[in-house]
């Protein structure tokens, strides 16, 4: 007899999704959280605070660029610390809301560090040293990730930051070097540039965010440069030299970049260390990520891993649905694979980006006959009204069946707009068709109208 039917390790999106699904299916659930407050990195030093910070910066930028403010000769000048405080209220609300989820669903919440004794037993040790052993029929590992930190970089220096510690910055730098041009690097490049900082964005690859559609990549690169971000491709670091008055990043090419501070944004490390995984014969890879099968099972059928600890796509939204899927699969022996397919990406640069489905590059390589439909936001009435005319909606569809194969959006509210197309892409057979957008009446003026414009633009290319 076990103490719990299911034990979940971690209270981020993946852990919460697994715990709620198991509780809804009538199972006894215990959840282990290492820190005092629940919510994981997503709530406390990742998604929520960074997006709240981005929103505050955007609103200040929008206000200062409006004709009304300029006519009155007014401007708002708030620094990084003031912008950062906007996240504190949101974080508190998120923690309180999630605490309610666990309470209402009778999920037992235990605080402490969890480590496996055997494949059905874990030990939970509190900060004061007290430990207890807990048994369960199944486990969900949802411990998340942390920034990857090379040993040669001094992250204790007050001018060297990673994506967790940057939110503690108590001043507004005049210049910053961001090493790593992945999602986090690009998002912070946008934010710091909108605060008026000089930004070096150093990328080890040939392009920004190579998993995106090429046209979206080009648009992002253009608008970052247009805003004044200096992008350096195909550059790798040799060493980081922190000084009292700044940081010098030495690159292998021989270049030296000196700025007020540096943000290291080159990769993530799975939180799998000191968990006793060696006791159950699970060996994470060199980035601490746990290997799983298509159903999120480790080498033990009753031990699952979800979220950032398994690696890409490293999205809060994906982690939550992975947790739900894993719990359902453990309890029922199967789960609906549609839950974990076609996960949209959301990238909160300025403007933001969202996409779902295949890119032009992928369709070309697969020799799928497709066509493209565009809607440029500068031609959409709602965008003209709000003044947010930068961007576009792009539809990729099959030339013969008109099936929607991919949707890519760059511009204001892209992460919201994408879900309209996602709903149609999820339909089976002829219900997933370009004609839906051509024949549907959208409110006017709205950004959603971009779907009709893009669909007609693409359809006209067929004849």
Protein backbone atom coordinates (compact mmCIF):
# COMPACT_ATOMS: atom_id res chain seq x y z
CA UNK A 1 0.00 0.00 0.00
CA UNK A 2 1.48 3.34 -1.09
CA UNK A 3 1.15 6.71 0.65
CA UNK A 4 -0.12 8.27 -2.61
CA UNK A 5 -1.32 7.05 -5.96
CA UNK A 6 0.76 9.74 -7.66
CA UNK A 7 3.56 12.00 -6.44
CA UNK A 8 4.50 15.05 -8.50
CA UNK A 9 7.90 16.70 -8.04
CA UNK A 10 7.70 20.41 -8.90
CA UNK A 11 4.86 22.95 -8.97
CA UNK A 12 5.61 24.74 -12.24
CA UNK A 13 3.24 24.35 -15.20
CA UNK A 14 4.21 20.71 -15.84
CA UNK A 15 3.76 19.69 -12.22
CA UNK A 16 0.52 21.60 -11.86
CA UNK A 17 -0.93 20.03 -15.01
CA UNK A 18 -0.03 16.52 -13.82
CA UNK A 19 -1.33 17.07 -10.28
CA UNK A 20 -4.64 18.57 -11.38
CA UNK A 21 -5.26 15.83 -13.95
CA UNK A 22 -4.53 13.04 -11.46
CA UNK A 23 -6.72 14.69 -8.80
CA UNK A 24 -9.61 15.14 -11.25
CA UNK A 25 -9.41 11.42 -12.01
CA UNK A 26 -9.92 10.61 -8.34
CA UNK A 27 -6.36 9.71 -7.37
CA UNK A 28 -4.60 10.65 -4.14
CA UNK A 29 -1.88 13.12 -5.07
CA UNK A 30 1.13 14.49 -3.26
CA UNK A 31 3.17 17.38 -4.65
CA UNK A 32 6.73 18.24 -3.62
CA UNK A 33 8.02 21.80 -3.94
CA UNK A 34 11.61 22.71 -3.09
CA UNK A 35 10.93 26.41 -2.49
CA UNK A 36 8.68 28.19 0.01
CA UNK A 37 6.28 29.46 -2.66
CA UNK A 38 4.66 27.35 -5.35
CA UNK A 39 4.67 28.11 -9.07
CA UNK A 40 8.21 27.18 -10.06
CA UNK A 41 10.54 29.20 -12.25
CA UNK A 42 7.68 30.12 -14.60
CA UNK A 43 5.95 32.14 -11.89
CA UNK A 44 8.87 33.57 -9.94
CA UNK A 45 11.81 34.27 -12.26
CA UNK A 46 10.82 33.26 -15.76
CA UNK A 47 7.67 33.65 -17.83
CA UNK A 48 5.44 35.73 -15.53
CA UNK A 49 7.93 38.36 -14.29
CA UNK A 50 9.65 38.76 -17.66
CA UNK A 51 6.35 39.19 -19.51
CA UNK A 52 5.04 41.61 -16.89
CA UNK A 53 8.29 43.57 -17.26
CA UNK A 54 7.93 43.55 -21.04
CA UNK A 55 4.36 44.84 -20.80
CA UNK A 56 5.37 47.74 -18.54
CA UNK A 57 8.21 48.71 -20.87
CA UNK A 58 5.92 48.47 -23.88
CA UNK A 59 3.27 50.68 -22.27
CA UNK A 60 5.86 53.34 -21.41
CA UNK A 61 7.27 53.23 -24.94
CA UNK A 62 3.78 53.40 -26.43
CA UNK A 63 2.85 56.37 -24.25
CA UNK A 64 6.02 58.29 -25.09
CA UNK A 65 5.57 57.73 -28.82
CA UNK A 66 1.91 58.79 -28.95
CA UNK A 67 1.00 62.05 -30.71
CA UNK A 68 -1.05 63.14 -27.67
CA UNK A 69 1.94 62.92 -25.32
CA UNK A 70 4.26 64.62 -27.80
CA UNK A 71 1.81 67.50 -28.35
CA UNK A 72 1.77 68.15 -24.61
CA UNK A 73 5.53 67.88 -24.36
CA UNK A 74 5.26 65.04 -21.85
CA UNK A 75 7.32 61.89 -21.43
CA UNK A 76 7.58 59.10 -18.90
CA UNK A 77 11.08 57.99 -17.91
CA UNK A 78 11.11 54.98 -15.63
CA UNK A 79 14.12 52.74 -15.14
CA UNK A 80 14.56 48.99 -15.02
CA UNK A 81 13.91 48.63 -11.25
CA UNK A 82 10.64 50.60 -11.47
CA UNK A 83 9.51 48.55 -14.46
CA UNK A 84 10.40 45.32 -12.66
CA UNK A 85 8.15 46.09 -9.68
CA UNK A 86 5.09 45.70 -11.88
CA UNK A 87 5.64 41.95 -11.77
CA UNK A 88 5.43 41.63 -7.99
CA UNK A 89 1.65 42.04 -7.76
CA UNK A 90 1.10 39.62 -10.64
CA UNK A 91 3.35 37.00 -9.02
CA UNK A 92 1.49 37.27 -5.70
CA UNK A 93 -1.86 36.80 -7.46
CA UNK A 94 -0.56 33.80 -9.40
CA UNK A 95 0.77 32.11 -6.24
CA UNK A 96 -2.49 32.71 -4.37
CA UNK A 97 -4.57 31.38 -7.27
CA UNK A 98 -2.47 28.25 -7.64
CA UNK A 99 -2.51 27.59 -3.91
CA UNK A 100 -6.28 27.52 -4.25
CA UNK A 101 -6.09 24.93 -7.02
CA UNK A 102 -4.23 22.49 -4.78
CA UNK A 103 -6.48 23.13 -1.79
CA UNK A 104 -9.76 22.73 -3.67
CA UNK A 105 -8.59 19.50 -5.31
CA UNK A 106 -7.34 18.04 -1.98
CA UNK A 107 -3.78 17.74 -3.21
CA UNK A 108 -1.23 17.44 -0.41
CA UNK A 109 1.57 19.99 -0.77
CA UNK A 110 4.92 19.19 0.83
CA UNK A 111 7.94 21.51 0.86
CA UNK A 112 11.47 20.20 0.58
CA UNK A 113 14.02 18.65 -1.75
CA UNK A 114 12.98 15.30 -3.21
CA UNK A 115 15.38 12.44 -4.00
CA UNK A 116 14.66 8.87 -5.03
CA UNK A 117 15.53 6.03 -2.67
CA UNK A 118 14.10 3.42 -5.05
CA UNK A 119 11.61 3.48 -7.89
CA UNK A 120 8.62 3.70 -5.53
CA UNK A 121 10.13 5.73 -2.67
CA UNK A 122 11.38 9.29 -2.35
CA UNK A 123 12.87 11.17 0.55
CA UNK A 124 11.77 14.77 1.12
CA UNK A 125 14.16 16.91 3.17
CA UNK A 126 13.17 20.34 4.46
CA UNK A 127 15.60 23.24 4.77
CA UNK A 128 15.78 22.75 8.55
CA UNK A 129 17.08 19.24 8.00
CA UNK A 130 13.96 17.22 8.75
CA UNK A 131 13.34 14.37 6.28
CA UNK A 132 10.49 11.99 5.56
CA UNK A 133 10.07 9.09 3.17
CA UNK A 134 7.06 8.86 0.88
CA UNK A 135 5.91 6.03 -1.34
CA UNK A 136 3.79 6.23 -4.48
CA UNK A 137 2.55 4.08 -7.30
CA UNK A 138 3.69 6.59 -9.90
CA UNK A 139 5.86 9.70 -10.12
CA UNK A 140 5.84 12.80 -12.31
CA UNK A 141 9.19 14.61 -12.47
CA UNK A 142 8.52 18.26 -13.35
CA UNK A 143 11.50 20.03 -11.83
CA UNK A 144 12.06 22.51 -14.67
CA UNK A 145 15.36 24.03 -15.71
CA UNK A 146 17.81 26.79 -14.89
CA UNK A 147 20.25 28.87 -16.95
CA UNK A 148 23.32 26.97 -18.13
CA UNK A 149 26.37 28.42 -16.39
CA UNK A 150 29.88 27.68 -17.71
CA UNK A 151 32.38 27.37 -14.86
CA UNK A 152 34.67 29.92 -16.53
CA UNK A 153 32.13 32.74 -16.20
CA UNK A 154 31.94 34.59 -12.85
CA UNK A 155 28.20 34.83 -12.23
CA UNK A 156 28.83 36.18 -8.71
CA UNK A 157 30.12 39.43 -10.21
CA UNK A 158 27.49 42.21 -9.84
CA UNK A 159 27.64 43.07 -13.56
CA UNK A 160 27.24 39.52 -14.91
CA UNK A 161 23.67 38.20 -15.11
CA UNK A 162 21.72 35.23 -16.38
CA UNK A 163 17.99 35.08 -17.15
CA UNK A 164 17.18 34.32 -13.49
CA UNK A 165 19.32 36.99 -11.86
CA UNK A 166 18.72 39.77 -14.39
CA UNK A 167 15.40 40.50 -12.70
CA UNK A 168 17.34 41.56 -9.59
CA UNK A 169 19.14 44.34 -11.48
CA UNK A 170 18.73 47.52 -9.42
CA UNK A 171 19.82 50.05 -12.06
CA UNK A 172 19.23 50.83 -15.73
CA UNK A 173 22.38 50.19 -17.77
CA UNK A 174 23.31 52.46 -20.65
CA UNK A 175 24.68 49.46 -22.57
CA UNK A 176 24.40 45.69 -22.37
CA UNK A 177 25.83 42.68 -24.19
CA UNK A 178 23.50 39.69 -24.47
CA UNK A 179 25.34 36.46 -25.22
CA UNK A 180 22.94 33.98 -26.78
CA UNK A 181 20.27 34.90 -29.31
CA UNK A 182 17.68 32.27 -28.55
CA UNK A 183 14.17 33.12 -27.40
CA UNK A 184 15.29 34.58 -24.06
CA UNK A 185 18.13 36.57 -25.61
CA UNK A 186 15.92 38.08 -28.31
CA UNK A 187 13.18 38.95 -25.82
CA UNK A 188 15.57 40.77 -23.48
CA UNK A 189 17.28 42.50 -26.42
CA UNK A 190 13.89 44.01 -27.30
CA UNK A 191 13.18 45.04 -23.71
CA UNK A 192 16.53 46.68 -23.00
CA UNK A 193 16.53 48.48 -26.35
CA UNK A 194 13.05 49.84 -25.61
CA UNK A 195 14.49 51.20 -22.36
CA UNK A 196 17.04 53.12 -24.41
CA UNK A 197 20.04 50.85 -23.77
CA UNK A 198 22.66 50.17 -26.40
CA UNK A 199 22.40 46.44 -27.07
CA UNK A 200 24.88 43.93 -28.50
CA UNK A 201 23.12 40.66 -29.34
CA UNK A 202 25.71 37.92 -29.92
CA UNK A 203 24.53 34.84 -31.81
CA UNK A 204 26.55 31.67 -32.30
CA UNK A 205 24.43 30.61 -35.29
CA UNK A 206 23.87 31.92 -38.80
CA UNK A 207 20.40 33.32 -38.08
CA UNK A 208 18.16 34.28 -35.22
CA UNK A 209 15.71 31.61 -34.02
CA UNK A 210 16.35 29.20 -36.87
CA UNK A 211 13.30 27.07 -36.01
CA UNK A 212 11.03 29.86 -37.26
CA UNK A 213 9.89 30.44 -40.84
CA UNK A 214 12.61 32.25 -42.80
CA UNK A 215 10.40 35.23 -43.60
CA UNK A 216 9.62 35.72 -39.90
CA UNK A 217 13.34 35.44 -39.06
CA UNK A 218 14.14 38.13 -41.62
CA UNK A 219 11.39 40.38 -40.27
CA UNK A 220 12.60 40.00 -36.68
CA UNK A 221 16.22 40.70 -37.66
CA UNK A 222 15.21 43.78 -39.64
CA UNK A 223 13.10 45.28 -36.87
CA UNK A 224 15.65 44.62 -34.13
CA UNK A 225 18.30 46.32 -36.25
CA UNK A 226 15.90 49.09 -37.17
CA UNK A 227 15.43 49.74 -33.46
CA UNK A 228 19.21 49.95 -33.02
CA UNK A 229 20.14 46.46 -31.77
CA UNK A 230 23.58 45.41 -33.03
CA UNK A 231 23.36 41.72 -34.00
CA UNK A 232 26.57 39.74 -34.34
CA UNK A 233 26.13 36.31 -35.97
CA UNK A 234 28.53 33.33 -35.97
CA UNK A 235 30.37 34.52 -32.86
CA UNK A 236 31.43 32.40 -29.88
CA UNK A 237 32.81 33.53 -26.56
CA UNK A 238 36.39 32.95 -25.49
CA UNK A 239 36.19 34.48 -22.04
CA UNK A 240 34.29 37.00 -19.97
CA UNK A 241 36.26 39.73 -18.19
CA UNK A 242 34.21 41.48 -15.47
CA UNK A 243 35.49 44.85 -14.28
CA UNK A 244 34.34 47.41 -11.74
CA UNK A 245 33.06 49.68 -14.51
CA UNK A 246 31.66 47.07 -16.89
CA UNK A 247 32.17 43.73 -18.60
CA UNK A 248 34.36 42.86 -21.58
CA UNK A 249 33.25 39.90 -23.65
CA UNK A 250 36.18 38.41 -25.54
CA UNK A 251 35.08 36.54 -28.67
CA UNK A 252 36.97 33.78 -30.47
CA UNK A 253 37.08 36.00 -33.55
CA UNK A 254 39.27 38.44 -31.64
CA UNK A 255 36.54 41.03 -31.06
CA UNK A 256 36.11 42.59 -27.63
CA UNK A 257 32.75 44.03 -26.55
CA UNK A 258 32.69 46.29 -23.49
CA UNK A 259 29.37 47.29 -21.99
CA UNK A 260 27.96 48.24 -18.58
CA UNK A 261 26.86 44.66 -17.96
CA UNK A 262 26.34 41.31 -19.62
CA UNK A 263 23.39 38.94 -19.79
CA UNK A 264 24.31 35.30 -20.39
CA UNK A 265 21.43 33.69 -22.28
CA UNK A 266 23.11 30.68 -23.88
CA UNK A 267 21.10 27.61 -23.05
CA UNK A 268 19.33 25.93 -20.15
CA UNK A 269 20.21 23.12 -17.74
CA UNK A 270 17.64 20.58 -16.53
CA UNK A 271 17.04 20.52 -12.77
CA UNK A 272 17.84 16.82 -12.32
CA UNK A 273 20.87 16.99 -10.05
CA UNK A 274 20.88 15.61 -6.48
CA UNK A 275 17.61 13.76 -7.07
CA UNK A 276 18.94 10.27 -6.48
CA UNK A 277 18.31 9.34 -10.09
CA UNK A 278 21.34 7.07 -9.96
CA UNK A 279 19.39 4.94 -7.48
CA UNK A 280 16.80 4.18 -10.13
CA UNK A 281 19.23 3.88 -13.05
CA UNK A 282 18.16 7.09 -14.81
CA UNK A 283 21.08 9.02 -16.31
CA UNK A 284 20.38 12.60 -17.51
CA UNK A 285 22.33 13.94 -20.48
CA UNK A 286 25.12 16.52 -20.18
CA UNK A 287 22.53 19.32 -19.97
CA UNK A 288 20.68 17.56 -17.13
CA UNK A 289 17.75 16.59 -19.34
CA UNK A 290 15.92 13.31 -18.72
CA UNK A 291 15.32 10.96 -21.64
CA UNK A 292 11.70 9.91 -22.16
CA UNK A 293 9.64 8.02 -24.74
CA UNK A 294 6.73 9.39 -26.79
CA UNK A 295 4.44 9.11 -23.76
CA UNK A 296 6.87 10.92 -21.39
CA UNK A 297 7.84 7.71 -19.61
CA UNK A 298 11.40 7.22 -18.40
CA UNK A 299 12.95 3.75 -18.44
CA UNK A 300 10.46 2.96 -15.65
CA UNK A 301 6.89 2.78 -16.91
CA UNK A 302 5.52 4.39 -13.74
CA UNK A 303 7.99 7.30 -13.64
CA UNK A 304 7.32 10.15 -16.07
CA UNK A 305 9.16 13.40 -16.79
CA UNK A 306 7.61 16.55 -18.32
CA UNK A 307 8.40 20.19 -18.98
CA UNK A 308 11.77 21.87 -19.23
CA UNK A 309 13.59 18.99 -17.51
CA UNK A 310 13.14 16.97 -20.73
CA UNK A 311 14.30 19.82 -23.00
CA UNK A 312 12.57 21.49 -25.98
CA UNK A 313 10.15 23.02 -26.66
CA UNK A 314 10.66 24.53 -23.18
CA UNK A 315 7.35 26.39 -23.17
CA UNK A 316 5.12 26.85 -20.13
CA UNK A 317 2.09 26.04 -22.25
CA UNK A 318 3.67 22.82 -23.52
CA UNK A 319 4.76 21.78 -20.03
CA UNK A 320 1.23 22.09 -18.65
CA UNK A 321 -0.33 19.91 -21.34
CA UNK A 322 2.55 17.42 -21.09
CA UNK A 323 1.78 17.09 -17.39
CA UNK A 324 -1.89 16.43 -18.08
CA UNK A 325 -1.02 13.91 -20.78
CA UNK A 326 1.47 12.04 -18.58
CA UNK A 327 -0.92 11.76 -15.63
CA UNK A 328 -3.74 10.59 -17.89
CA UNK A 329 -1.46 8.05 -19.57
CA UNK A 330 -0.29 6.68 -16.22
CA UNK A 331 -3.80 6.34 -14.82
CA UNK A 332 -5.59 5.06 -17.93
CA UNK A 333 -2.80 3.44 -19.91
CA UNK A 334 -3.39 5.83 -22.79
CA UNK A 335 -3.99 9.53 -23.51
CA UNK A 336 -5.18 11.70 -26.38
CA UNK A 337 -2.12 12.49 -28.49
CA UNK A 338 -3.87 15.52 -29.95
CA UNK A 339 -3.13 17.21 -26.61
CA UNK A 340 0.61 17.30 -27.29
CA UNK A 341 0.62 17.90 -31.04
CA UNK A 342 0.85 21.24 -32.85
CA UNK A 343 1.91 23.32 -29.85
CA UNK A 344 2.07 27.00 -30.87
CA UNK A 345 5.21 28.97 -30.12
CA UNK A 346 4.97 32.34 -28.41
CA UNK A 347 7.99 34.67 -28.50
CA UNK A 348 7.59 37.99 -26.71
CA UNK A 349 9.94 40.20 -28.65
CA UNK A 350 8.76 43.61 -29.86
CA UNK A 351 6.77 42.95 -31.94
CA UNK A 352 5.93 39.46 -30.74
CA UNK A 353 5.96 36.26 -32.76
CA UNK A 354 3.80 33.16 -32.78
CA UNK A 355 3.63 30.21 -35.13
CA UNK A 356 2.15 26.75 -35.48
CA UNK A 357 2.59 24.00 -38.05
CA UNK A 358 5.19 23.75 -40.77
CA UNK A 359 7.48 26.40 -42.22
CA UNK A 360 8.13 27.08 -45.91
CA UNK A 361 11.55 25.49 -45.53
CA UNK A 362 10.06 22.26 -44.14
CA UNK A 363 7.34 22.08 -46.79
CA UNK A 364 9.84 22.64 -49.58
CA UNK A 365 12.16 19.93 -48.27
CA UNK A 366 9.19 17.54 -47.99
CA UNK A 367 8.12 18.43 -51.57
CA UNK A 368 4.61 19.33 -50.48
CA UNK A 369 2.85 21.60 -53.01
CA UNK A 370 1.89 24.65 -51.00
CA UNK A 371 0.97 28.26 -51.51
CA UNK A 372 1.29 31.37 -49.36
CA UNK A 373 -1.27 33.93 -48.26
CA UNK A 374 -0.14 37.22 -46.69
CA UNK A 375 -1.89 39.93 -44.74
CA UNK A 376 0.28 42.94 -43.95
CA UNK A 377 -0.82 44.66 -40.76
CA UNK A 378 -0.21 48.10 -42.25
CA UNK A 379 -3.30 47.45 -44.40
CA UNK A 380 -5.55 46.27 -41.54
CA UNK A 381 -7.88 48.98 -40.20
CA UNK A 382 -7.56 47.92 -36.55
CA UNK A 383 -3.77 48.12 -36.77
CA UNK A 384 -4.03 51.58 -38.31
CA UNK A 385 -6.31 52.69 -35.47
CA UNK A 386 -3.99 51.41 -32.74
CA UNK A 387 -0.85 52.53 -34.57
CA UNK A 388 0.65 49.03 -34.36
CA UNK A 389 1.09 48.52 -38.09
CA UNK A 390 4.35 46.56 -38.04
CA UNK A 391 3.91 42.90 -38.86
CA UNK A 392 1.99 40.36 -40.86
CA UNK A 393 -0.02 37.15 -40.81
CA UNK A 394 1.16 34.38 -43.11
CA UNK A 395 -0.86 31.29 -44.06
CA UNK A 396 0.70 28.23 -45.71
CA UNK A 397 -1.80 25.89 -47.35
CA UNK A 398 -1.90 22.90 -49.70
CA UNK A 399 -2.45 23.98 -53.29
CA UNK A 400 -4.87 21.14 -54.06
CA UNK A 401 -6.79 20.42 -50.85
CA UNK A 402 -6.50 23.97 -49.36
CA UNK A 403 -5.57 22.36 -46.02
CA UNK A 404 -3.86 24.81 -43.64
CA UNK A 405 -0.30 23.58 -43.14
CA UNK A 406 1.29 26.39 -41.16
CA UNK A 407 0.48 29.78 -39.65
CA UNK A 408 3.11 32.39 -38.84
CA UNK A 409 2.42 35.75 -37.25
CA UNK A 410 4.74 38.65 -36.51
CA UNK A 411 3.30 41.74 -34.88
CA UNK A 412 1.22 43.06 -32.02
CA UNK A 413 -0.88 40.38 -30.28
CA UNK A 414 0.59 37.60 -32.43
CA UNK A 415 0.40 35.13 -29.54
CA UNK A 416 -3.35 35.77 -29.28
CA UNK A 417 -4.10 35.87 -33.00
CA UNK A 418 -2.49 32.48 -33.63
CA UNK A 419 -5.21 30.60 -31.74
CA UNK A 420 -7.86 31.41 -34.32
CA UNK A 421 -5.87 29.54 -36.93
CA UNK A 422 -4.94 26.80 -34.46
CA UNK A 423 -8.63 25.99 -33.98
CA UNK A 424 -9.11 25.46 -37.71
CA UNK A 425 -5.87 23.48 -38.13
CA UNK A 426 -7.05 21.05 -35.45
CA UNK A 427 -10.17 20.11 -37.45
CA UNK A 428 -10.24 16.92 -39.44
CA UNK A 429 -10.68 16.58 -43.21
CA UNK A 430 -12.34 19.36 -45.20
CA UNK A 431 -13.08 21.35 -42.02
CA UNK A 432 -9.41 22.37 -42.06
CA UNK A 433 -9.56 24.55 -45.13
CA UNK A 434 -8.51 27.96 -46.38
CA UNK A 435 -12.15 28.47 -47.38
CA UNK A 436 -13.16 28.78 -43.73
CA UNK A 437 -11.28 32.05 -43.50
CA UNK A 438 -12.49 33.22 -46.91
CA UNK A 439 -16.16 32.65 -46.11
CA UNK A 440 -16.31 33.62 -42.43
CA UNK A 441 -17.49 37.06 -41.36
CA UNK A 442 -15.04 38.67 -38.95
CA UNK A 443 -15.88 41.67 -36.80
CA UNK A 444 -14.64 44.91 -38.32
CA UNK A 445 -12.29 46.46 -37.46
CA UNK A 446 -10.35 43.65 -35.74
CA UNK A 447 -6.94 42.05 -36.08
CA UNK A 448 -8.75 38.75 -36.71
CA UNK A 449 -9.76 40.14 -40.10
CA UNK A 450 -6.15 39.50 -41.15
CA UNK A 451 -7.12 35.83 -41.63
CA UNK A 452 -9.69 36.70 -44.31
CA UNK A 453 -7.26 39.04 -46.06
CA UNK A 454 -4.47 36.46 -46.02
CA UNK A 455 -6.78 33.67 -47.20
CA UNK A 456 -8.03 35.68 -50.19
CA UNK A 457 -4.49 36.78 -50.99
CA UNK A 458 -3.36 33.16 -51.07
CA UNK A 459 -6.37 31.88 -52.99
CA UNK A 460 -5.78 34.47 -55.70
CA UNK A 461 -2.31 32.99 -56.26
CA UNK A 462 -3.83 29.70 -57.44
CA UNK A 463 -5.27 31.11 -60.63
